[in-house]
Amino acid sequence: MEPTIYLYFNGDCFEAMSFYAETLGGEITGVYRNGDAPDPESRMPGGDELVMNMNMRLGSANIMASDAPGEWYNKPQGFSISIAPESVEAFDTIFDTLSKDAQSVSMQPTETFWAERFAMFTDQYGTPWMLNFTGSKAMG
């Protein structure tokens, strides 16, 4: 059994997930929009372009997402997506790209006792991230 991250967006799911796939080297493997539903009873409130379900394959993991129209949307809280870039250069590229126009940066890239470089931020779409490059400080 393997957990899957499921994200909700406030009408910009397709844009956000496409941005993540491009930035992180993921692959969009499926997109179902409101307009794809076979009948009105199968739709969520809102227009045809709202994403009902979208999947991105990232390494061996899936990140799934959808739009949460109107009152269905809640700002993400209580979690972060944590990723471990393979190098300092990859870390810097990912940080620079994902944190552009960030809603907040709670920790700029810095060295910690467990990592050569670590950062925490909430991107322009409201998704909270942690980047962690352990480098020479990797355990085991």
Protein backbone atom coordinates (compact mmCIF):
# COMPACT_ATOMS: atom_id res chain seq x y z
CA MET A 1 0.00 0.00 0.00
CA GLU A 2 1.30 3.43 -0.91
CA PRO A 3 -0.25 6.82 -0.04
CA THR A 4 -1.26 9.25 -2.76
CA ILE A 5 -1.25 13.01 -2.27
CA TYR A 6 -4.59 14.55 -3.33
CA LEU A 7 -4.67 18.32 -3.78
CA TYR A 8 -7.64 20.67 -4.21
CA PHE A 9 -7.43 23.93 -6.12
CA ASN A 10 -9.67 26.95 -6.37
CA GLY A 11 -10.30 26.77 -10.13
CA ASP A 12 -6.67 26.55 -11.31
CA CYS A 13 -5.99 22.82 -10.99
CA PHE A 14 -4.97 22.25 -14.61
CA GLU A 15 -2.58 25.21 -14.56
CA ALA A 16 -1.03 24.23 -11.21
CA MET A 17 -0.59 20.53 -11.96
CA SER A 18 0.85 21.26 -15.42
CA PHE A 19 3.31 23.68 -13.77
CA TYR A 20 4.30 21.04 -11.20
CA ALA A 21 4.79 18.38 -13.90
CA GLU A 22 6.99 20.70 -15.95
CA THR A 23 9.01 21.89 -12.93
CA LEU A 24 9.48 18.50 -11.27
CA GLY A 25 9.76 16.28 -14.33
CA GLY A 26 6.40 14.59 -13.75
CA GLU A 27 3.98 13.24 -16.33
CA ILE A 28 0.29 14.09 -16.52
CA THR A 29 -1.40 10.72 -17.02
CA GLY A 30 -5.05 11.72 -16.94
CA VAL A 31 -7.41 14.68 -16.85
CA TYR A 32 -11.19 14.50 -16.45
CA ARG A 33 -13.11 17.76 -16.66
CA ASN A 34 -16.62 18.62 -15.57
CA GLY A 35 -17.62 18.69 -19.24
CA ASP A 36 -16.54 15.03 -19.60
CA ALA A 37 -19.25 13.84 -17.20
CA PRO A 38 -21.92 11.77 -18.97
CA ASP A 39 -24.86 13.66 -17.45
CA PRO A 40 -25.65 16.71 -15.28
CA GLU A 41 -26.04 14.57 -12.14
CA SER A 42 -22.41 13.44 -12.46
CA ARG A 43 -21.03 17.00 -12.55
CA MET A 44 -19.81 19.18 -9.74
CA PRO A 45 -21.04 22.79 -9.52
CA GLY A 46 -19.32 25.07 -12.04
CA GLY A 47 -18.32 25.20 -15.67
CA ASP A 48 -17.20 22.54 -18.14
CA GLU A 49 -13.48 23.40 -17.75
CA LEU A 50 -13.25 22.65 -14.01
CA VAL A 51 -11.06 19.61 -13.34
CA MET A 52 -12.89 16.76 -11.64
CA ASN A 53 -9.79 14.58 -11.40
CA MET A 54 -6.22 14.87 -12.64
CA ASN A 55 -3.21 12.61 -12.09
CA MET A 56 0.50 13.33 -12.29
CA ARG A 57 3.07 10.55 -12.06
CA LEU A 58 6.22 11.73 -10.25
CA GLY A 59 8.85 9.03 -9.90
CA SER A 60 7.03 6.06 -8.37
CA ALA A 61 4.35 8.26 -6.79
CA ASN A 62 1.07 9.73 -7.99
CA ILE A 63 -0.16 13.18 -7.10
CA MET A 64 -3.86 13.59 -7.81
CA ALA A 65 -5.89 16.79 -7.80
CA SER A 66 -9.13 18.51 -8.68
CA ASP A 67 -10.80 21.87 -8.57
CA ALA A 68 -13.02 22.48 -5.55
CA PRO A 69 -15.61 24.98 -6.74
CA GLY A 70 -16.83 27.84 -4.57
CA GLU A 71 -17.77 26.78 -1.07
CA TRP A 72 -16.13 23.36 -1.55
CA TYR A 73 -12.65 24.92 -1.49
CA ASN A 74 -10.64 25.10 1.73
CA LYS A 75 -7.14 26.55 1.94
CA PRO A 76 -4.60 23.71 2.42
CA GLN A 77 -3.28 23.42 5.96
CA GLY A 78 -1.64 20.94 8.27
CA PHE A 79 0.69 19.37 5.69
CA SER A 80 3.46 20.06 3.18
CA ILE A 81 4.60 18.17 0.12
CA SER A 82 8.20 17.26 0.89
CA ILE A 83 10.56 16.50 -1.98
CA ALA A 84 14.26 15.69 -2.01
CA PRO A 85 16.09 17.10 -5.05
CA GLU A 86 19.13 15.07 -6.09
CA SER A 87 21.61 17.97 -6.05
CA VAL A 88 22.10 21.53 -4.84
CA GLU A 89 21.64 22.71 -8.44
CA ALA A 90 18.33 20.84 -8.76
CA PHE A 91 17.25 22.22 -5.36
CA ASP A 92 17.98 25.79 -6.46
CA THR A 93 16.16 25.37 -9.79
CA ILE A 94 13.09 23.84 -8.15
CA PHE A 95 13.04 26.43 -5.36
CA ASP A 96 13.43 29.35 -7.77
CA THR A 97 10.65 28.05 -10.01
CA LEU A 98 8.09 26.86 -7.43
CA SER A 99 8.60 29.82 -5.07
CA LYS A 100 8.21 32.46 -7.79
CA ASP A 101 5.18 34.56 -6.80
CA ALA A 102 4.87 32.43 -3.62
CA GLN A 103 2.10 33.26 -1.17
CA SER A 104 4.68 32.93 1.59
CA VAL A 105 8.22 31.74 2.26
CA SER A 106 8.48 30.55 5.85
CA MET A 107 12.10 29.39 5.50
CA GLN A 108 14.51 30.55 2.82
CA PRO A 109 17.02 27.96 1.56
CA THR A 110 19.52 27.36 4.33
CA GLU A 111 21.79 24.71 5.79
CA THR A 112 20.42 22.81 8.78
CA PHE A 113 21.89 20.16 11.04
CA TRP A 114 20.12 17.47 8.94
CA ALA A 115 20.49 18.90 5.43
CA GLU A 116 22.90 20.83 3.26
CA ARG A 117 19.90 22.83 2.04
CA PHE A 118 16.30 23.06 3.27
CA ALA A 119 13.41 25.44 2.51
CA MET A 120 9.67 25.81 3.27
CA PHE A 121 7.15 27.88 1.31
CA THR A 122 3.61 28.05 -0.01
CA ASP A 123 3.52 28.48 -3.77
CA GLN A 124 1.31 30.79 -5.84
CA TYR A 125 -1.45 28.12 -5.98
CA GLY A 126 -1.57 27.66 -2.20
CA THR A 127 0.33 24.36 -2.04
CA PRO A 128 2.76 24.11 0.90
CA TRP A 129 6.19 22.66 0.05
CA MET A 130 9.35 21.53 1.83
CA LEU A 131 12.54 21.02 -0.17
CA ASN A 132 15.24 18.94 1.47
CA PHE A 133 18.69 18.18 0.03
CA THR A 134 20.57 16.15 2.63
CA GLY A 135 23.79 15.82 0.63
CA SER A 136 26.71 14.85 2.87
CA LYS A 137 24.40 14.87 5.91
CA ALA A 138 22.37 11.87 4.70
CA MET A 139 21.78 9.20 7.31
CA GLY A 140 22.61 5.57 6.84
